[in-house]
Amino acid sequence: MNLIFFSPNFPRYSTEFCFHLKKCGINVLGIGDAEYHTLNDKLKQSLTEYKQVDDLNNYDDILRWVGYYTYKYGKIDRFESLNEHWLGLEAQIRTDFNIYGTKLDFIANLKLKSKMETFFKKSDVKTIQSLTNLKWSKAKKFAEKVGFPLVIKPDQGSGASMTYKINNVFELEHFLIDKPSDVEFILQEYIDGIIQTYDGLVNKDGKIVFAASHEFPQSIMEAVNSGYHISYYCLKEVSKEIEEAGSKIIHTYGIKERFFHIEFFKSNVTGKIIALEVNMRPPGTWMIDAINYTHDMDIYKQWAHMVVYNRIEGPYIGKYYTGFASRKNHIHYVHGHVEIMQYYWDKMVNYGKIEDAISLSRGNYAYQFRSTSLEEVKEIIDFIQAVDN
């Protein structure tokens, strides 16, 4: 089996996926923009061969190296990056070389929030009211219908980039006048609620073989726009309502042999679950590791087994709640690193710097910790993120 892993050096956790693919006995062929000598040793040992390109957006260069690998090793069985940014490029390569997986004729359904809404409705899952093709008259009528505040965001995008809360008709008009002309935006009703996720693996037969769930008590949109930190925790169990809604969406999409990461709002007003968006990739910002720490498993290994053998080990039961608390460099916190470690060293499983590319929405530095008590996890989050006023 020949698998091309695109950009295996970023994000950092890509090394683990490559390592376990190699252990399954397949050729892991890398294409990336980093020089070979800068790759970590574990990644070097995991790759059968690696080719560097100057620009990952230069499709002709990527095409050339996929052609080279095909000539040298035979048919390419998979082309993966496990990174939302490269979904379109993956689909283009799979289409051009007839490689298994999502191709160009379906990729818009995974990238455009307006398309996701269609699938949510087909799944009979409540979703957010929204409006596309924004014109002033239509936007004003939409605002009158659903009320302020509203949320406006790119129809295609992630990480809450260019996502704003619109509080009144004047802010709406101002945004529509000044918005970038080269970006398609979607206008959505604002939901007062918390984010809950449905994360896991669906195999080649379309069967969900593993699922987990995270909860975000803080808004990523607010964190980006206010420069604040975020936190989340991986739950021991997936709630019945999240599992029911999430599995409906997966089956309606018909996605196979993929990670999935579906975001829902749980309304603070009604308690109802409302579908927000779907991502057919691993959850980000240490969430994969949170799944591992919660379930005492190695989901990197299980993904590789699913790809190669169409099965995973298990079943895996949630044993802990795993928390994540980030900090921003410009915020003055009550407790320093030494004090945090003195109080909670026995709960810590990971801590360190967050990659600059995602620090705006995720934070500059973060701590990861676990406990059998959700209340203790929340206590640790509050301690780490206590602000010195």
Protein backbone atom coordinates (compact mmCIF):
# COMPACT_ATOMS: atom_id res chain seq x y z
CA MET A 1 0.00 0.00 0.00
CA ASN A 2 1.33 3.44 -0.97
CA LEU A 3 0.15 6.48 0.97
CA ILE A 4 1.30 10.02 0.29
CA PHE A 5 1.20 12.16 3.43
CA PHE A 6 1.06 15.81 2.47
CA SER A 7 2.80 18.28 4.79
CA PRO A 8 3.87 15.59 7.27
CA ASN A 9 5.84 18.13 9.32
CA PHE A 10 2.83 20.32 10.20
CA PRO A 11 0.88 20.07 12.40
CA ARG A 12 3.35 18.37 14.72
CA TYR A 13 1.06 15.46 15.49
CA SER A 14 1.31 14.35 11.83
CA THR A 15 4.47 12.52 12.82
CA GLU A 16 2.42 10.10 14.93
CA PHE A 17 0.11 9.25 12.05
CA CYS A 18 3.09 8.60 9.75
CA PHE A 19 4.83 6.50 12.42
CA HIS A 20 1.87 4.15 12.87
CA LEU A 21 1.26 3.87 9.14
CA LYS A 22 4.87 2.78 8.73
CA LYS A 23 4.46 0.23 11.55
CA CYS A 24 1.56 -1.25 9.57
CA GLY A 25 4.07 -1.98 6.80
CA ILE A 26 3.05 0.50 4.12
CA ASN A 27 5.08 3.00 2.11
CA VAL A 28 4.59 6.46 3.62
CA LEU A 29 5.69 8.97 0.99
CA GLY A 30 6.05 12.57 2.09
CA ILE A 31 5.59 15.88 0.26
CA GLY A 32 6.21 19.04 2.29
CA ASP A 33 7.78 22.47 2.31
CA ALA A 34 10.27 21.84 5.12
CA GLU A 35 13.85 20.90 4.34
CA TYR A 36 14.51 17.23 5.04
CA HIS A 37 17.19 17.88 7.66
CA THR A 38 14.68 19.88 9.75
CA LEU A 39 12.27 16.95 10.10
CA ASN A 40 12.30 15.25 13.48
CA ASP A 41 14.02 11.85 13.66
CA LYS A 42 10.80 9.90 14.27
CA LEU A 43 9.25 11.40 11.13
CA LYS A 44 12.37 10.69 9.06
CA GLN A 45 12.27 7.05 10.14
CA SER A 46 8.57 6.84 9.28
CA LEU A 47 8.89 8.09 5.70
CA THR A 48 9.96 5.80 2.88
CA GLU A 49 10.84 8.87 0.84
CA TYR A 50 10.33 12.63 1.12
CA LYS A 51 10.23 15.40 -1.47
CA GLN A 52 10.42 19.09 -0.67
CA VAL A 53 8.51 21.79 -2.55
CA ASP A 54 9.01 25.52 -2.14
CA ASP A 55 5.30 26.31 -2.08
CA LEU A 56 2.58 23.89 -0.95
CA ASN A 57 0.07 25.93 -2.98
CA ASN A 58 1.93 25.27 -6.25
CA TYR A 59 -0.26 22.53 -7.66
CA ASP A 60 2.01 21.81 -10.61
CA ASP A 61 4.87 20.90 -8.27
CA ILE A 62 2.63 18.65 -6.17
CA LEU A 63 1.29 17.00 -9.32
CA ARG A 64 4.82 16.35 -10.53
CA TRP A 65 5.89 14.59 -7.33
CA VAL A 66 2.73 12.49 -7.14
CA GLY A 67 3.47 11.43 -10.69
CA TYR A 68 7.05 10.59 -9.70
CA TYR A 69 5.89 8.48 -6.74
CA THR A 70 3.38 6.70 -8.98
CA TYR A 71 6.12 5.86 -11.49
CA LYS A 72 8.51 4.65 -8.78
CA TYR A 73 6.18 2.79 -6.38
CA GLY A 74 3.06 2.01 -8.43
CA LYS A 75 -0.52 3.09 -7.85
CA ILE A 76 -1.02 5.55 -4.99
CA ASP A 77 -3.68 4.15 -2.64
CA ARG A 78 -4.23 7.19 -0.44
CA PHE A 79 -3.39 10.91 -0.41
CA GLU A 80 -3.88 12.48 3.02
CA SER A 81 -2.94 15.54 5.04
CA LEU A 82 -5.57 15.33 7.82
CA ASN A 83 -5.60 19.13 7.66
CA GLU A 84 -8.69 21.14 6.77
CA HIS A 85 -6.63 23.72 4.89
CA TRP A 86 -5.66 21.15 2.25
CA LEU A 87 -9.07 19.51 1.69
CA GLY A 88 -9.39 21.06 -1.76
CA LEU A 89 -5.90 20.09 -2.86
CA GLU A 90 -6.43 16.54 -1.59
CA ALA A 91 -9.65 16.25 -3.58
CA GLN A 92 -7.97 17.59 -6.73
CA ILE A 93 -5.09 15.10 -6.49
CA ARG A 94 -7.45 12.20 -5.77
CA THR A 95 -9.53 13.18 -8.79
CA ASP A 96 -6.56 13.57 -11.13
CA PHE A 97 -4.97 10.24 -10.09
CA ASN A 98 -8.20 8.33 -9.28
CA ILE A 99 -7.14 7.79 -5.66
CA TYR A 100 -9.63 6.49 -3.09
CA GLY A 101 -11.36 9.15 -1.00
CA THR A 102 -13.31 12.39 -1.32
CA LYS A 103 -13.00 13.95 -4.77
CA LEU A 104 -13.76 17.31 -6.36
CA ASP A 105 -17.42 16.61 -7.05
CA PHE A 106 -18.15 16.41 -3.30
CA ILE A 107 -15.57 18.61 -1.61
CA ALA A 108 -17.72 21.77 -1.48
CA ASN A 109 -20.11 19.92 0.85
CA LEU A 110 -17.27 19.63 3.37
CA LYS A 111 -15.90 23.15 3.01
CA LEU A 112 -18.86 25.51 2.62
CA LYS A 113 -21.01 26.18 5.69
CA SER A 114 -23.99 26.90 3.44
CA LYS A 115 -23.71 23.37 1.99
CA MET A 116 -23.41 21.86 5.48
CA GLU A 117 -26.77 23.35 6.40
CA THR A 118 -28.38 21.34 3.59
CA PHE A 119 -26.97 18.10 4.99
CA PHE A 120 -28.03 18.97 8.53
CA LYS A 121 -31.60 19.44 7.32
CA LYS A 122 -31.47 16.15 5.38
CA SER A 123 -30.30 14.52 8.61
CA ASP A 124 -33.33 15.93 10.44
CA VAL A 125 -31.00 17.74 12.85
CA LYS A 126 -31.85 21.27 13.93
CA THR A 127 -29.42 23.80 12.50
CA ILE A 128 -28.71 27.52 12.63
CA GLN A 129 -30.76 29.85 10.45
CA SER A 130 -28.47 31.48 7.91
CA LEU A 131 -28.28 33.65 4.81
CA THR A 132 -25.82 33.65 1.89
CA ASN A 133 -25.36 35.90 -1.14
CA LEU A 134 -25.46 38.88 1.16
CA LYS A 135 -27.20 41.98 -0.10
CA TRP A 136 -28.32 44.81 2.13
CA SER A 137 -32.06 44.35 1.61
CA LYS A 138 -31.93 40.57 2.18
CA ALA A 139 -29.63 40.91 5.19
CA LYS A 140 -31.91 43.52 6.77
CA LYS A 141 -34.98 41.30 6.33
CA PHE A 142 -33.07 38.34 7.79
CA ALA A 143 -32.11 40.44 10.83
CA GLU A 144 -35.72 41.49 11.31
CA LYS A 145 -36.77 37.85 11.17
CA VAL A 146 -34.25 36.29 13.60
CA GLY A 147 -33.24 39.36 15.63
CA PHE A 148 -29.89 40.69 16.86
CA PRO A 149 -27.20 39.81 17.66
CA LEU A 150 -26.10 37.97 14.51
CA VAL A 151 -22.87 36.25 13.54
CA ILE A 152 -21.13 36.83 10.23
CA LYS A 153 -18.30 34.62 8.99
CA PRO A 154 -16.67 33.35 5.78
CA ASP A 155 -18.70 30.61 4.10
CA GLN A 156 -15.41 28.74 3.85
CA GLY A 157 -12.97 28.98 6.75
CA SER A 158 -11.96 27.68 10.17
CA GLY A 159 -10.62 28.88 13.50
CA ALA A 160 -13.10 31.79 13.76
CA SER A 161 -11.04 33.87 11.32
CA MET A 162 -13.00 36.94 10.14
CA THR A 163 -15.92 35.89 12.34
CA TYR A 164 -17.80 38.70 14.05
CA LYS A 165 -20.77 39.32 16.29
CA ILE A 166 -23.12 41.91 14.78
CA ASN A 167 -25.12 43.72 17.47
CA ASN A 168 -27.34 46.10 15.52
CA VAL A 169 -28.43 47.28 12.10
CA PHE A 170 -25.70 49.93 11.94
CA GLU A 171 -22.92 47.36 12.48
CA LEU A 172 -24.52 45.13 9.85
CA GLU A 173 -24.66 47.90 7.28
CA HIS A 174 -21.10 48.98 8.05
CA PHE A 175 -19.79 45.42 7.65
CA LEU A 176 -21.54 44.87 4.33
CA ILE A 177 -20.10 48.10 2.97
CA ASP A 178 -16.53 47.41 4.11
CA LYS A 179 -16.31 43.61 3.85
CA PRO A 180 -13.58 42.08 1.63
CA SER A 181 -14.91 41.67 -1.90
CA ASP A 182 -13.01 38.43 -2.50
CA VAL A 183 -14.58 36.52 0.43
CA GLU A 184 -18.06 35.00 0.43
CA PHE A 185 -19.70 35.51 3.81
CA ILE A 186 -22.60 33.81 5.54
CA LEU A 187 -24.90 35.53 8.04
CA GLN A 188 -26.21 33.39 10.91
CA GLU A 189 -28.43 33.74 13.93
CA TYR A 190 -26.56 34.04 17.21
CA ILE A 191 -26.97 31.15 19.62
CA ASP A 192 -26.50 31.69 23.34
CA GLY A 193 -24.92 28.38 24.20
CA ILE A 194 -21.81 26.26 24.60
CA ILE A 195 -20.02 24.23 21.95
CA GLN A 196 -20.15 20.44 22.18
CA THR A 197 -18.44 18.20 19.64
CA TYR A 198 -18.78 14.76 18.14
CA ASP A 199 -15.34 13.44 17.22
CA GLY A 200 -14.18 10.08 15.98
CA LEU A 201 -13.54 7.61 13.19
CA VAL A 202 -15.82 6.19 10.50
CA ASN A 203 -14.48 3.17 8.61
CA LYS A 204 -14.52 2.17 4.96
CA ASP A 205 -17.96 0.61 5.39
CA GLY A 206 -19.41 3.84 6.77
CA LYS A 207 -19.57 2.48 10.31
CA ILE A 208 -18.65 4.75 13.22
CA VAL A 209 -16.00 2.71 15.03
CA PHE A 210 -15.04 5.25 17.70
CA ALA A 211 -16.54 8.45 19.08
CA ALA A 212 -15.68 11.02 21.75
CA SER A 213 -17.00 14.43 22.75
CA HIS A 214 -15.53 17.76 23.92
CA GLU A 215 -17.16 20.78 25.52
CA PHE A 216 -16.06 24.41 25.08
CA PRO A 217 -17.38 26.72 27.81
CA GLN A 218 -15.82 29.75 26.08
CA SER A 219 -16.50 31.11 22.58
CA ILE A 220 -13.60 30.82 20.12
CA MET A 221 -15.09 33.74 18.18
CA GLU A 222 -14.96 35.90 21.31
CA ALA A 223 -11.42 34.70 22.06
CA VAL A 224 -10.21 35.72 18.59
CA ASN A 225 -11.91 39.11 18.60
CA SER A 226 -11.07 40.01 22.21
CA GLY A 227 -7.60 38.44 22.35
CA TYR A 228 -8.68 36.15 25.17
CA HIS A 229 -7.76 32.58 26.07
CA ILE A 230 -9.88 29.43 25.65
CA SER A 231 -10.48 26.18 27.47
CA TYR A 232 -12.23 22.88 26.83
CA TYR A 233 -12.50 19.41 28.28
CA CYS A 234 -12.87 15.96 26.78
CA LEU A 235 -15.79 14.18 28.38
CA LYS A 236 -15.79 10.59 29.63
CA GLU A 237 -18.91 9.81 27.62
CA VAL A 238 -20.71 11.06 24.54
CA SER A 239 -24.18 12.29 25.48
CA LYS A 240 -27.09 10.46 23.91
CA GLU A 241 -28.31 13.60 22.12
CA ILE A 242 -24.88 14.37 20.61
CA GLU A 243 -24.39 10.77 19.51
CA GLU A 244 -27.82 10.62 17.90
CA ALA A 245 -27.42 13.90 16.02
CA GLY A 246 -23.79 13.24 15.06
CA SER A 247 -24.38 9.73 13.74
CA LYS A 248 -27.32 10.95 11.64
CA ILE A 249 -25.09 13.59 10.03
CA ILE A 250 -22.26 11.12 9.34
CA HIS A 251 -24.61 8.67 7.67
CA THR A 252 -26.33 11.38 5.63
CA TYR A 253 -22.96 12.59 4.34
CA GLY A 254 -21.97 9.02 3.48
CA ILE A 255 -18.39 9.75 4.49
CA LYS A 256 -16.08 6.74 4.76
CA GLU A 257 -12.61 6.07 6.19
CA ARG A 258 -12.28 9.49 7.78
CA PHE A 259 -11.84 11.32 11.01
CA PHE A 260 -14.83 13.50 11.81
CA HIS A 261 -15.23 16.56 14.01
CA ILE A 262 -18.78 17.95 14.18
CA GLU A 263 -19.60 21.04 16.23
CA PHE A 264 -22.94 21.67 17.90
CA PHE A 265 -24.35 24.40 20.07
CA LYS A 266 -26.19 23.36 23.21
CA SER A 267 -28.56 26.26 23.77
CA ASN A 268 -28.46 27.88 27.21
CA VAL A 269 -32.06 28.95 26.64
CA THR A 270 -33.74 25.72 25.48
CA GLY A 271 -31.10 23.06 26.17
CA LYS A 272 -31.54 21.85 22.58
CA ILE A 273 -28.70 20.64 20.35
CA ILE A 274 -28.17 22.75 17.20
CA ALA A 275 -25.75 21.73 14.43
CA LEU A 276 -23.07 24.33 13.66
CA GLU A 277 -20.54 22.83 11.25
CA VAL A 278 -18.89 19.60 10.15
CA ASN A 279 -15.18 18.95 9.63
CA MET A 280 -13.92 15.69 8.13
CA ARG A 281 -10.54 15.82 9.82
CA PRO A 282 -9.08 15.27 13.30
CA PRO A 283 -10.10 17.80 15.95
CA GLY A 284 -7.36 20.37 16.52
CA THR A 285 -5.43 22.02 19.36
CA TRP A 286 -4.36 18.95 21.34
CA MET A 287 -7.86 17.48 21.16
CA ILE A 288 -6.54 14.24 19.66
CA ASP A 289 -4.26 13.88 22.67
CA ALA A 290 -7.18 14.75 24.95
CA ILE A 291 -9.02 11.77 23.46
CA ASN A 292 -5.99 9.58 24.14
CA TYR A 293 -5.62 10.75 27.74
CA THR A 294 -9.35 10.38 28.41
CA HIS A 295 -9.62 6.85 27.02
CA ASP A 296 -6.07 5.55 27.65
CA MET A 297 -5.68 4.79 23.95
CA ASP A 298 -3.60 5.79 20.92
CA ILE A 299 -5.98 7.18 18.31
CA TYR A 300 -3.06 7.84 15.94
CA LYS A 301 -2.49 4.09 15.86
CA GLN A 302 -6.21 3.34 15.54
CA TRP A 303 -6.56 5.67 12.54
CA ALA A 304 -3.67 3.88 10.83
CA HIS A 305 -5.24 0.50 11.57
CA MET A 306 -8.55 1.72 10.15
CA VAL A 307 -6.87 2.86 6.92
CA VAL A 308 -4.78 -0.28 6.46
CA TYR A 309 -6.99 -3.00 7.98
CA ASN A 310 -10.44 -1.32 8.08
CA ARG A 311 -10.71 -2.06 11.80
CA ILE A 312 -9.59 -0.69 15.14
CA GLU A 313 -8.88 -2.20 18.51
CA GLY A 314 -10.97 -1.59 21.60
CA PRO A 315 -13.61 -0.87 22.70
CA TYR A 316 -12.23 2.12 24.59
CA ILE A 317 -14.05 3.48 27.63
CA GLY A 318 -13.64 7.01 28.99
CA LYS A 319 -11.76 6.88 32.30
CA TYR A 320 -10.91 10.56 32.85
CA TYR A 321 -11.98 14.09 31.99
CA THR A 322 -9.11 15.78 30.16
CA GLY A 323 -8.92 19.56 30.33
CA PHE A 324 -7.13 22.14 28.19
CA ALA A 325 -6.45 25.71 29.33
CA SER A 326 -4.55 28.18 27.19
CA ARG A 327 -2.96 31.52 28.07
CA LYS A 328 -2.17 34.60 26.00
CA ASN A 329 1.16 36.39 26.26
CA HIS A 330 -0.38 39.85 26.70
CA ILE A 331 -2.60 38.84 29.64
CA HIS A 332 -1.30 39.08 33.22
CA TYR A 333 -2.26 35.97 35.15
CA VAL A 334 -2.45 35.51 38.91
CA HIS A 335 -0.54 32.23 38.98
CA GLY A 336 2.80 31.59 37.28
CA HIS A 337 4.00 28.35 35.72
CA VAL A 338 5.91 27.21 38.82
CA GLU A 339 2.87 27.73 41.06
CA ILE A 340 0.59 25.89 38.61
CA MET A 341 2.94 22.92 38.56
CA GLN A 342 3.31 22.91 42.36
CA TYR A 343 -0.45 22.69 42.81
CA TYR A 344 -1.35 20.34 39.98
CA TRP A 345 1.79 18.46 38.89
CA ASP A 346 0.09 15.09 39.50
CA LYS A 347 -2.76 16.01 37.12
CA MET A 348 -0.64 17.40 34.28
CA VAL A 349 -0.20 15.32 31.15
CA ASN A 350 1.15 17.97 28.76
CA TYR A 351 2.10 21.64 28.61
CA GLY A 352 3.97 23.85 26.19
CA LYS A 353 3.91 26.48 23.45
CA ILE A 354 1.20 26.49 20.79
CA GLU A 355 2.22 26.87 17.14
CA ASP A 356 2.15 30.51 16.02
CA ALA A 357 -0.12 29.65 13.07
CA ILE A 358 -3.04 28.90 15.41
CA SER A 359 -2.15 31.00 18.45
CA LEU A 360 -4.63 33.79 17.65
CA SER A 361 -7.61 31.53 18.27
CA ARG A 362 -6.03 28.97 20.60
CA GLY A 363 -3.52 30.82 22.77
CA ASN A 364 0.26 31.13 23.04
CA TYR A 365 0.85 28.55 25.77
CA ALA A 366 -1.34 25.79 27.15
CA TYR A 367 -1.72 23.16 29.83
CA GLN A 368 -3.39 19.78 29.54
CA PHE A 369 -4.47 17.78 32.56
CA ARG A 370 -6.86 15.03 33.57
CA SER A 371 -8.92 13.90 36.52
CA THR A 372 -11.74 11.49 37.27
CA SER A 373 -13.68 14.55 38.47
CA LEU A 374 -15.05 17.10 36.01
CA GLU A 375 -15.34 19.61 38.84
CA GLU A 376 -11.61 19.30 39.53
CA VAL A 377 -10.84 19.84 35.83
CA LYS A 378 -12.93 23.03 35.90
CA GLU A 379 -11.14 24.10 39.08
CA ILE A 380 -7.74 23.67 37.39
CA ILE A 381 -8.92 25.69 34.37
CA ASP A 382 -10.03 28.53 36.65
CA PHE A 383 -6.70 28.45 38.50
CA ILE A 384 -4.61 28.54 35.32
CA GLN A 385 -6.68 31.28 33.67
CA ALA A 386 -7.25 33.51 36.72
CA VAL A 387 -6.46 37.03 35.52
CA ASP A 388 -4.57 39.61 37.57
CA ASN A 389 -6.71 42.74 37.39
